[in-house]
């Protein structure tokens, strides 16, 4: 399968995904659905933690392999797709549709991302 999204582009996508999911209740008008709001914060928080821990250009701690990051994104996306029924807010059309969109975007980005690990860092001292 052609996977046109590079690791670097995936990082940029995460930078938009995280705040967008956190802001989704206000953006899509379901702030009154407290469970859906909480799940948005949880999904956004998990993506933030995963991103910060990923061995990639944007990772602050670089301990999580990029392939594991993609796997966590997959779990986050499937959770988003199932959340309206799992957490009982499927009756709220705005929340349900927002979560279906969040899950679909996440799955698409994950499936289209090349699972290329970041090369090991070599300092100038190591190369001598």
N, C-alpha and C. Protein backbone atom coordinates (compact mmCIF):
# COMPACT_ATOMS: atom_id res chain seq x y z
N UNK A 1 0.85 -1.18 0.00
CA UNK A 1 0.00 0.00 0.00
C UNK A 1 0.89 1.24 0.00
N UNK A 2 0.53 2.21 -0.82
CA UNK A 2 1.26 3.46 -0.88
C UNK A 2 0.98 4.26 0.39
N UNK A 3 2.03 4.58 1.12
CA UNK A 3 1.90 5.34 2.36
C UNK A 3 2.62 6.68 2.20
N UNK A 4 1.91 7.71 1.76
CA UNK A 4 2.55 8.98 1.41
C UNK A 4 2.91 9.88 2.60
N UNK A 5 2.45 9.55 3.80
CA UNK A 5 2.70 10.43 4.94
C UNK A 5 4.00 10.01 5.63
N UNK A 6 4.94 10.94 5.70
CA UNK A 6 6.21 10.67 6.36
C UNK A 6 6.06 10.82 7.88
N UNK A 7 7.06 10.39 8.60
CA UNK A 7 7.07 10.53 10.05
C UNK A 7 6.97 12.01 10.43
N UNK A 8 7.70 12.86 9.72
CA UNK A 8 7.68 14.28 10.02
C UNK A 8 6.29 14.89 9.77
N UNK A 9 5.66 14.51 8.67
CA UNK A 9 4.31 15.01 8.37
C UNK A 9 3.31 14.48 9.39
N UNK A 10 3.50 13.26 9.85
CA UNK A 10 2.63 12.69 10.88
C UNK A 10 2.73 13.54 12.15
N UNK A 11 3.94 13.96 12.48
CA UNK A 11 4.12 14.83 13.65
C UNK A 11 3.35 16.14 13.50
N UNK A 12 3.37 16.72 12.31
CA UNK A 12 2.60 17.94 12.06
C UNK A 12 1.10 17.67 12.19
N UNK A 13 0.67 16.51 11.71
CA UNK A 13 -0.74 16.14 11.84
C UNK A 13 -1.13 16.02 13.31
N UNK A 14 -0.25 15.43 14.11
CA UNK A 14 -0.51 15.33 15.55
C UNK A 14 -0.65 16.71 16.18
N UNK A 15 0.16 17.66 15.71
CA UNK A 15 0.10 19.01 16.27
C UNK A 15 -1.24 19.69 16.00
N UNK A 16 -1.95 19.27 14.97
CA UNK A 16 -3.28 19.81 14.74
C UNK A 16 -4.36 18.94 15.38
N UNK A 17 -4.13 17.62 15.39
CA UNK A 17 -5.11 16.67 15.95
C UNK A 17 -5.34 16.94 17.45
N UNK A 18 -4.28 17.09 18.21
CA UNK A 18 -4.38 17.20 19.67
C UNK A 18 -5.25 18.38 20.10
N UNK A 19 -4.96 19.61 19.66
CA UNK A 19 -5.82 20.72 20.10
C UNK A 19 -7.23 20.68 19.48
N UNK A 20 -7.32 20.14 18.27
CA UNK A 20 -8.65 20.06 17.63
C UNK A 20 -9.57 19.12 18.39
N UNK A 21 -9.05 17.96 18.79
CA UNK A 21 -9.87 17.00 19.55
C UNK A 21 -10.23 17.59 20.92
N UNK A 22 -9.28 18.26 21.55
CA UNK A 22 -9.57 18.89 22.85
C UNK A 22 -10.64 19.97 22.72
N UNK A 23 -10.63 20.68 21.60
CA UNK A 23 -11.59 21.76 21.38
C UNK A 23 -12.88 21.30 20.71
N UNK A 24 -12.97 20.04 20.31
CA UNK A 24 -14.12 19.52 19.56
C UNK A 24 -15.48 19.81 20.23
N UNK A 25 -15.61 19.66 21.55
CA UNK A 25 -16.93 19.93 22.14
C UNK A 25 -17.42 21.36 21.86
N UNK A 26 -16.52 22.32 21.95
CA UNK A 26 -16.90 23.71 21.67
C UNK A 26 -17.05 23.94 20.17
N UNK A 27 -16.12 23.39 19.38
CA UNK A 27 -16.16 23.58 17.93
C UNK A 27 -17.42 23.00 17.30
N UNK A 28 -17.86 21.83 17.79
CA UNK A 28 -18.99 21.13 17.18
C UNK A 28 -20.27 21.20 18.00
N UNK A 29 -20.25 21.94 19.11
CA UNK A 29 -21.47 22.22 19.86
C UNK A 29 -22.04 21.09 20.69
N UNK A 30 -21.19 20.36 21.41
CA UNK A 30 -21.73 19.34 22.31
C UNK A 30 -21.13 19.46 23.72
N UNK A 31 -20.92 20.69 24.14
CA UNK A 31 -20.33 20.94 25.47
C UNK A 31 -21.20 20.42 26.61
N UNK A 32 -22.49 20.29 26.37
CA UNK A 32 -23.40 19.80 27.41
C UNK A 32 -23.29 18.30 27.64
N UNK A 33 -22.68 17.59 26.70
CA UNK A 33 -22.53 16.14 26.79
C UNK A 33 -21.24 15.83 27.54
N UNK A 34 -21.33 15.85 28.86
CA UNK A 34 -20.14 15.78 29.72
C UNK A 34 -19.27 14.56 29.47
N UNK A 35 -19.88 13.41 29.23
CA UNK A 35 -19.09 12.21 28.97
C UNK A 35 -18.29 12.36 27.68
N UNK A 36 -18.90 12.89 26.65
CA UNK A 36 -18.21 13.10 25.38
C UNK A 36 -17.07 14.10 25.54
N UNK A 37 -17.29 15.13 26.34
CA UNK A 37 -16.24 16.12 26.60
C UNK A 37 -15.05 15.44 27.27
N UNK A 38 -15.34 14.62 28.27
CA UNK A 38 -14.28 13.91 29.00
C UNK A 38 -13.51 12.98 28.07
N UNK A 39 -14.22 12.27 27.19
CA UNK A 39 -13.56 11.36 26.26
C UNK A 39 -12.69 12.15 25.28
N UNK A 40 -13.14 13.32 24.85
CA UNK A 40 -12.30 14.17 23.97
C UNK A 40 -11.00 14.53 24.67
N UNK A 41 -11.10 14.94 25.93
CA UNK A 41 -9.90 15.30 26.68
C UNK A 41 -8.98 14.09 26.85
N UNK A 42 -9.57 12.92 27.09
CA UNK A 42 -8.77 11.70 27.26
C UNK A 42 -8.05 11.32 25.96
N UNK A 43 -8.77 11.36 24.84
CA UNK A 43 -8.16 11.04 23.54
C UNK A 43 -7.05 12.03 23.19
N UNK A 44 -7.32 13.30 23.42
CA UNK A 44 -6.34 14.33 23.14
C UNK A 44 -5.12 14.17 24.06
N UNK A 45 -5.36 13.90 25.32
CA UNK A 45 -4.28 13.70 26.27
C UNK A 45 -3.42 12.51 25.94
N UNK A 46 -4.06 11.41 25.53
CA UNK A 46 -3.29 10.22 25.15
C UNK A 46 -2.43 10.51 23.92
N UNK A 47 -2.97 11.25 22.96
CA UNK A 47 -2.19 11.60 21.77
C UNK A 47 -1.02 12.51 22.14
N UNK A 48 -1.25 13.42 23.08
CA UNK A 48 -0.19 14.31 23.53
C UNK A 48 0.93 13.53 24.23
N UNK A 49 0.56 12.66 25.15
CA UNK A 49 1.56 11.86 25.86
C UNK A 49 2.33 10.97 24.89
N UNK A 50 1.60 10.32 23.99
CA UNK A 50 2.24 9.47 22.99
C UNK A 50 3.21 10.27 22.14
N UNK A 51 2.80 11.44 21.71
CA UNK A 51 3.67 12.29 20.90
C UNK A 51 4.91 12.74 21.63
N UNK A 52 4.76 13.12 22.88
CA UNK A 52 5.91 13.57 23.66
C UNK A 52 6.90 12.45 23.93
N UNK A 53 6.42 11.21 23.99
CA UNK A 53 7.26 10.07 24.31
C UNK A 53 7.85 9.39 23.07
N UNK A 54 7.42 9.79 21.88
CA UNK A 54 7.82 9.11 20.64
C UNK A 54 9.24 9.44 20.21
N UNK A 55 9.92 8.42 19.74
CA UNK A 55 11.26 8.58 19.18
C UNK A 55 11.10 9.14 17.76
N UNK A 56 10.90 10.44 17.73
CA UNK A 56 10.73 11.15 16.46
C UNK A 56 11.20 12.59 16.68
N UNK A 57 11.24 13.34 15.61
CA UNK A 57 11.76 14.70 15.67
C UNK A 57 11.06 15.55 16.72
N UNK A 58 9.79 15.36 16.90
CA UNK A 58 9.00 16.18 17.82
C UNK A 58 8.94 15.61 19.24
N UNK A 59 9.40 14.41 19.46
CA UNK A 59 9.31 13.78 20.78
C UNK A 59 10.23 14.45 21.79
N UNK A 60 9.73 14.72 22.96
CA UNK A 60 10.54 15.36 24.01
C UNK A 60 11.39 14.33 24.75
N UNK A 61 10.89 13.10 24.88
CA UNK A 61 11.59 12.09 25.67
C UNK A 61 12.13 10.92 24.83
N UNK A 62 11.62 10.73 23.64
CA UNK A 62 12.12 9.77 22.64
C UNK A 62 12.35 8.36 23.19
N UNK A 63 11.35 7.80 23.83
CA UNK A 63 11.48 6.43 24.34
C UNK A 63 10.55 5.45 23.63
N UNK A 64 9.51 5.93 23.00
CA UNK A 64 8.51 5.10 22.35
C UNK A 64 8.83 4.97 20.86
N UNK A 65 9.03 3.76 20.35
CA UNK A 65 9.27 3.61 18.91
C UNK A 65 8.11 4.19 18.09
N UNK A 66 8.43 4.70 16.91
CA UNK A 66 7.40 5.32 16.07
C UNK A 66 6.31 4.32 15.70
N UNK A 67 6.68 3.07 15.48
CA UNK A 67 5.68 2.04 15.16
C UNK A 67 4.70 1.86 16.33
N UNK A 68 5.20 1.96 17.55
CA UNK A 68 4.31 1.88 18.72
C UNK A 68 3.40 3.11 18.78
N UNK A 69 3.93 4.26 18.40
CA UNK A 69 3.13 5.48 18.35
C UNK A 69 1.95 5.30 17.37
N UNK A 70 2.26 4.74 16.20
CA UNK A 70 1.21 4.50 15.21
C UNK A 70 0.18 3.51 15.76
N UNK A 71 0.63 2.49 16.48
CA UNK A 71 -0.29 1.51 17.07
C UNK A 71 -1.19 2.19 18.11
N UNK A 72 -0.64 3.08 18.91
CA UNK A 72 -1.45 3.80 19.89
C UNK A 72 -2.45 4.74 19.20
N UNK A 73 -2.03 5.34 18.10
CA UNK A 73 -2.95 6.17 17.30
C UNK A 73 -4.11 5.32 16.79
N UNK A 74 -3.82 4.09 16.39
CA UNK A 74 -4.86 3.17 15.91
C UNK A 74 -5.85 2.88 17.04
N UNK A 75 -5.35 2.58 18.23
CA UNK A 75 -6.22 2.31 19.39
C UNK A 75 -7.05 3.55 19.71
N UNK A 76 -6.44 4.72 19.68
CA UNK A 76 -7.16 5.97 19.93
C UNK A 76 -8.28 6.16 18.90
N UNK A 77 -7.98 5.86 17.64
CA UNK A 77 -8.97 6.04 16.57
C UNK A 77 -10.13 5.07 16.69
N UNK A 78 -9.84 3.82 16.98
CA UNK A 78 -10.90 2.83 17.16
C UNK A 78 -11.75 3.18 18.38
N UNK A 79 -11.10 3.67 19.43
CA UNK A 79 -11.83 4.11 20.62
C UNK A 79 -12.77 5.26 20.26
N UNK A 80 -12.27 6.21 19.47
CA UNK A 80 -13.10 7.34 19.06
C UNK A 80 -14.31 6.86 18.25
N UNK A 81 -14.09 5.92 17.34
CA UNK A 81 -15.20 5.40 16.52
C UNK A 81 -16.25 4.69 17.38
N UNK A 82 -15.83 3.98 18.41
CA UNK A 82 -16.76 3.22 19.25
C UNK A 82 -17.31 4.03 20.42
N UNK A 83 -16.68 5.15 20.76
CA UNK A 83 -17.02 5.91 21.96
C UNK A 83 -18.50 6.28 22.10
N UNK A 84 -19.17 6.74 21.04
CA UNK A 84 -20.57 7.12 21.23
C UNK A 84 -21.44 5.99 21.78
N UNK A 85 -21.14 4.76 21.40
CA UNK A 85 -21.93 3.63 21.87
C UNK A 85 -21.35 3.06 23.17
N UNK A 86 -20.03 3.04 23.27
CA UNK A 86 -19.39 2.55 24.50
C UNK A 86 -19.74 3.41 25.71
N UNK A 87 -19.79 4.71 25.51
CA UNK A 87 -19.99 5.64 26.62
C UNK A 87 -21.38 6.27 26.66
N UNK A 88 -22.27 5.80 25.79
CA UNK A 88 -23.68 6.16 25.88
C UNK A 88 -24.09 7.54 25.43
N UNK A 89 -23.41 8.12 24.44
CA UNK A 89 -23.85 9.41 23.94
C UNK A 89 -24.15 9.38 22.43
N UNK A 90 -24.45 8.20 21.90
CA UNK A 90 -24.76 8.06 20.48
C UNK A 90 -26.02 8.82 20.08
N UNK A 91 -26.89 9.09 21.05
CA UNK A 91 -28.12 9.85 20.78
C UNK A 91 -27.84 11.32 20.42
N UNK A 92 -26.67 11.82 20.84
CA UNK A 92 -26.29 13.20 20.56
C UNK A 92 -25.61 13.23 19.19
N UNK A 93 -26.36 13.71 18.20
CA UNK A 93 -25.91 13.67 16.81
C UNK A 93 -24.58 14.40 16.60
N UNK A 94 -24.43 15.57 17.22
CA UNK A 94 -23.20 16.34 17.04
C UNK A 94 -22.00 15.62 17.64
N UNK A 95 -22.16 15.11 18.85
CA UNK A 95 -21.06 14.39 19.50
C UNK A 95 -20.73 13.12 18.73
N UNK A 96 -21.76 12.36 18.38
CA UNK A 96 -21.54 11.11 17.66
C UNK A 96 -20.80 11.36 16.35
N UNK A 97 -21.26 12.32 15.57
CA UNK A 97 -20.63 12.59 14.28
C UNK A 97 -19.21 13.13 14.42
N UNK A 98 -18.99 13.95 15.45
CA UNK A 98 -17.64 14.45 15.70
C UNK A 98 -16.69 13.29 16.00
N UNK A 99 -17.14 12.35 16.82
CA UNK A 99 -16.29 11.20 17.17
C UNK A 99 -16.07 10.29 15.96
N UNK A 100 -17.07 10.13 15.12
CA UNK A 100 -16.88 9.34 13.90
C UNK A 100 -15.86 10.01 12.99
N UNK A 101 -15.91 11.33 12.91
CA UNK A 101 -14.93 12.08 12.12
C UNK A 101 -13.53 11.98 12.70
N UNK A 102 -13.43 12.15 14.02
CA UNK A 102 -12.13 12.05 14.69
C UNK A 102 -11.52 10.67 14.45
N UNK A 103 -12.32 9.63 14.61
CA UNK A 103 -11.83 8.27 14.41
C UNK A 103 -11.43 8.01 12.97
N UNK A 104 -12.23 8.48 12.03
CA UNK A 104 -11.93 8.27 10.61
C UNK A 104 -10.65 8.99 10.19
N UNK A 105 -10.49 10.21 10.64
CA UNK A 105 -9.27 10.97 10.32
C UNK A 105 -8.05 10.28 10.92
N UNK A 106 -8.17 9.85 12.17
CA UNK A 106 -7.06 9.17 12.83
C UNK A 106 -6.67 7.87 12.14
N UNK A 107 -7.68 7.06 11.78
CA UNK A 107 -7.40 5.80 11.09
C UNK A 107 -6.74 6.06 9.73
N UNK A 108 -7.26 7.01 9.00
CA UNK A 108 -6.72 7.33 7.68
C UNK A 108 -5.27 7.78 7.80
N UNK A 109 -5.01 8.70 8.73
CA UNK A 109 -3.63 9.19 8.91
C UNK A 109 -2.70 8.05 9.31
N UNK A 110 -3.16 7.19 10.20
CA UNK A 110 -2.34 6.07 10.64
C UNK A 110 -2.04 5.08 9.53
N UNK A 111 -3.05 4.77 8.74
CA UNK A 111 -2.86 3.81 7.65
C UNK A 111 -1.99 4.36 6.53
N UNK A 112 -1.98 5.67 6.38
CA UNK A 112 -1.22 6.29 5.29
C UNK A 112 0.17 6.77 5.72
N UNK A 113 0.54 6.50 6.97
CA UNK A 113 1.85 6.90 7.47
C UNK A 113 2.86 5.78 7.31
N UNK A 114 4.00 6.11 6.74
CA UNK A 114 5.09 5.13 6.62
C UNK A 114 5.66 4.85 8.02
N UNK A 115 5.75 3.59 8.41
CA UNK A 115 6.24 3.26 9.76
C UNK A 115 7.77 3.26 9.84
N UNK A 116 8.38 4.37 9.47
CA UNK A 116 9.83 4.49 9.44
C UNK A 116 10.35 5.02 10.78
N UNK A 117 11.23 4.27 11.39
CA UNK A 117 11.81 4.71 12.65
C UNK A 117 12.84 5.81 12.40
N UNK A 118 12.99 6.69 13.36
CA UNK A 118 13.98 7.75 13.27
C UNK A 118 15.38 7.14 13.43
N UNK A 119 16.32 7.56 12.59
CA UNK A 119 17.68 7.03 12.73
C UNK A 119 18.23 7.37 14.12
N UNK A 120 19.07 6.50 14.63
CA UNK A 120 19.68 6.73 15.94
C UNK A 120 20.52 8.00 15.89
N UNK A 121 20.45 8.76 16.94
CA UNK A 121 21.21 10.00 17.03
C UNK A 121 22.67 9.68 17.27
N UNK A 122 23.54 10.34 16.53
CA UNK A 122 24.98 10.18 16.74
C UNK A 122 25.57 11.55 17.00
N UNK A 123 26.21 11.70 18.13
CA UNK A 123 26.85 12.99 18.43
C UNK A 123 28.15 13.08 17.66
N UNK A 124 28.73 14.25 17.60
CA UNK A 124 30.01 14.46 16.92
C UNK A 124 31.11 13.63 17.56
N UNK A 125 31.04 13.45 18.87
CA UNK A 125 32.04 12.67 19.59
C UNK A 125 31.96 11.19 19.20
N UNK A 126 30.73 10.68 18.96
CA UNK A 126 30.55 9.27 18.60
C UNK A 126 31.13 8.96 17.23
N UNK A 127 31.14 9.95 16.33
CA UNK A 127 31.57 9.70 14.96
C UNK A 127 33.08 9.76 14.80
N UNK A 128 33.81 10.12 15.83
CA UNK A 128 35.29 10.21 15.73
C UNK A 128 35.94 8.87 15.92
